[in-house]
Structures are given as structure tokens and as C-alpha cells.
Protein backbone atom coordinates (compact mmCIF):
# COMPACT_ATOMS: atom_id res chain seq x y z
CA MET A 1 0.22 4.32 -1.92
CA PHE A 2 -1.42 7.45 -0.54
CA GLU A 3 0.16 8.71 2.66
CA GLY A 4 -1.76 8.60 5.92
CA ARG A 5 -1.94 4.98 7.03
CA THR A 6 -0.95 4.18 10.59
CA VAL A 7 2.31 2.45 11.44
CA GLU A 8 0.34 -0.58 12.64
CA THR A 9 -1.57 -0.78 9.35
CA LYS A 10 1.69 -0.71 7.37
CA LYS A 11 3.26 -3.35 9.62
CA GLU A 12 0.24 -5.61 9.17
CA LEU A 13 0.40 -5.13 5.38
CA ILE A 14 4.08 -6.10 5.40
CA ARG A 15 3.38 -9.18 7.55
CA LEU A 16 0.54 -10.32 5.27
CA LEU A 17 2.50 -9.73 2.08
CA ILE A 18 5.49 -11.71 3.37
CA LYS A 19 3.24 -14.53 4.58
CA ASN A 20 1.37 -14.78 1.27
CA ILE A 21 4.47 -14.51 -0.91
CA ASN A 22 6.13 -17.23 1.16
CA GLU A 23 3.12 -19.55 1.13
CA LYS A 24 1.92 -19.06 -2.44
CA LEU A 25 5.24 -18.64 -4.25
CA ASN A 26 7.43 -20.72 -1.93
CA ILE A 27 9.96 -17.89 -1.57
CA PRO A 28 11.80 -18.04 1.76
CA ILE A 29 10.91 -15.18 4.10
CA TYR A 30 14.59 -14.27 4.36
CA ASP A 31 14.63 -13.55 0.60
CA ILE A 32 11.67 -11.15 0.71
CA GLU A 33 12.17 -7.41 1.18
CA ILE A 34 9.30 -4.93 1.05
CA THR A 35 9.44 -1.16 0.92
CA ILE A 36 6.37 1.04 1.27
CA PHE A 37 6.45 4.33 -0.59
CA GLU A 38 3.89 6.86 0.59
CA THR A 39 3.03 9.78 -1.64
CA PRO A 40 0.72 12.74 -0.97
CA LYS A 41 -2.53 12.55 -2.93
CA SER A 42 -1.59 15.81 -4.66
CA SER A 43 1.34 13.97 -6.28
CA TRP A 44 -0.91 11.39 -7.93
CA GLY A 45 -2.70 11.76 -11.26
CA ILE A 46 -5.82 9.61 -11.44
CA ARG A 47 -8.57 9.71 -14.06
CA GLY A 48 -7.35 13.06 -15.35
CA LEU A 49 -7.24 14.76 -11.94
CA PRO A 50 -4.72 15.31 -9.16
CA GLY A 51 -5.43 12.73 -6.46
CA ASP A 52 -6.44 15.33 -3.89
CA GLU A 53 -9.20 16.56 -6.22
CA LEU A 54 -10.52 13.10 -7.04
CA THR A 55 -13.83 11.92 -5.62
CA LEU A 56 -13.86 8.15 -5.17
CA ASN A 57 -17.10 6.21 -5.35
CA TYR A 58 -15.88 3.88 -2.60
CA LYS A 59 -14.56 4.33 0.93
CA VAL A 60 -10.88 3.91 1.73
CA GLU A 61 -10.32 2.98 5.35
CA VAL A 62 -6.74 3.31 6.59
């Protein structure tokens, strides 16, 4: 994902992913490991442009 989200936002994402994986796929929480990789927008290529030059038609709130 793009870099820039707060630590609390990432923690909440991890909590929600673990909860949903556990509930929907019946995988024990002790068997779930999640790693978040953050990459600068300039390292992304999206729709033919570097991510830092891309204009999105929607708002991303982090």
C-alpha cells in the first residue's frame, strides 16, 4: 500500500483482517500472520503513470 498511514490505522487494519479471516475462513488467530508493506507513491506504476503523478477521481483518507 502507499506509505503514509498512521500507526493506529495500520493496527486497526491488522485487527480487522485477523478478525475477518478467523470468522469467515475459520482459521485460528494463532495461525494468521500479516505484514504490511508500505511503498512510496513514486514506486508505483498505475494506469501508465508513476503513482505520485496520478490523479485519483476519489478521496483516499488515511
